[in-house]
Protein backbone atom coordinates (compact mmCIF):
# COMPACT_ATOMS: atom_id res chain seq x y z
CA UNK A 1 140.65 99.30 112.71
CA UNK A 2 142.08 99.52 109.23
CA UNK A 3 145.35 97.79 108.55
CA UNK A 4 147.44 98.77 105.54
CA UNK A 5 149.18 96.30 103.25
CA UNK A 6 150.95 96.74 99.94
CA UNK A 7 149.47 95.07 96.88
CA UNK A 8 152.43 92.69 96.80
CA UNK A 9 151.99 91.75 100.45
CA UNK A 10 148.24 91.32 99.97
CA UNK A 11 148.94 88.96 97.08
CA UNK A 12 151.44 86.92 99.09
CA UNK A 13 149.34 86.75 102.29
CA UNK A 14 145.86 86.62 100.74
CA UNK A 15 144.60 83.56 102.65
CA UNK A 16 145.91 84.91 105.95
CA UNK A 17 144.32 88.31 105.29
CA UNK A 18 140.97 86.65 104.52
CA UNK A 19 141.11 84.80 107.85
CA UNK A 20 141.72 88.11 109.65
CA UNK A 21 138.85 89.75 107.74
CA UNK A 22 136.61 86.86 108.81
CA UNK A 23 137.55 87.76 112.40
CA UNK A 24 136.40 91.37 111.82
CA UNK A 25 139.57 93.17 110.66
CA UNK A 26 139.65 95.48 107.63
CA UNK A 27 142.53 96.08 105.24
CA UNK A 28 143.38 98.89 102.85
CA UNK A 29 145.55 97.75 99.95
CA UNK A 30 148.17 100.26 98.82
CA UNK A 31 149.79 100.58 95.42
CA UNK A 32 152.54 103.17 95.17
CA UNK A 33 151.37 104.73 98.42
CA UNK A 34 147.72 105.15 97.38
CA UNK A 35 144.75 103.12 98.56
CA UNK A 36 143.47 101.10 95.61
CA UNK A 37 141.22 98.58 97.36
CA UNK A 38 139.60 97.77 100.67
CA UNK A 39 139.00 94.30 102.04
CA UNK A 40 136.28 94.37 104.68
CA UNK A 41 133.83 91.92 106.24
CA UNK A 42 130.47 91.78 104.41
CA UNK A 43 127.66 94.01 105.64
CA UNK A 44 124.80 92.37 107.50
CA UNK A 45 121.90 91.55 105.19
CA UNK A 46 118.28 91.90 106.13
CA UNK A 47 116.57 88.60 106.82
CA UNK A 48 114.40 87.50 103.90
CA UNK A 49 110.73 87.09 104.66
CA UNK A 50 109.07 83.76 104.20
CA UNK A 51 106.30 83.46 101.63
CA UNK A 52 103.74 83.28 104.42
CA UNK A 53 105.03 86.49 106.05
CA UNK A 54 105.03 88.27 102.67
CA UNK A 55 101.46 87.20 101.86
CA UNK A 56 100.25 88.18 105.35
CA UNK A 57 101.80 91.62 104.86
CA UNK A 58 100.03 92.00 101.51
CA UNK A 59 96.71 90.96 103.05
CA UNK A 60 97.12 93.62 105.76
CA UNK A 61 97.53 96.43 103.21
CA UNK A 62 94.44 98.40 102.18
CA UNK A 63 92.88 97.61 98.81
CA UNK A 64 93.09 100.37 96.22
CA UNK A 65 90.07 100.64 93.94
CA UNK A 66 90.97 102.12 90.57
CA UNK A 67 87.57 101.72 88.93
CA UNK A 68 86.73 100.02 85.68
CA UNK A 69 89.30 99.97 82.94
CA UNK A 70 89.77 98.49 79.48
CA UNK A 71 92.77 96.76 77.98
CA UNK A 72 93.31 99.80 75.69
CA UNK A 73 93.86 101.92 78.81
CA UNK A 74 97.16 100.11 79.30
CA UNK A 75 98.40 101.68 76.08
CA UNK A 76 97.10 105.21 76.64
CA UNK A 77 99.76 107.61 75.39
CA UNK A 78 97.88 110.89 75.77
CA UNK A 79 100.01 111.85 78.77
CA UNK A 80 103.03 111.98 76.44
CA UNK A 81 101.28 114.01 73.75
CA UNK A 82 100.84 111.00 71.45
CA UNK A 83 97.26 110.49 70.16
C-alpha cells in the first residue's frame, strides 16, 4: 500500500522511510500536493547464469551455416546503395 509523505517529511525521516521500504512498504513523495517521486522496494532480478550454464545453452543451439565469405563481405555496402 502506498503511503504519502511530504518532501520535507521525507527529508526529515529518510532513514526511517528506508527501513519501512526494506520491509515492503512504498511511499509517494508529495511537493505542493503533487507526487514528485516514489520510493519502492527494488524489483526482483533474474538470476544470472553461470558460465557453464551459458556455454551449455550455446552448445544446445543449432549451428547456422552461412557459407563461405571473404573479409570484404563485412564491408559490403550495396544494400545501402553505396558501390
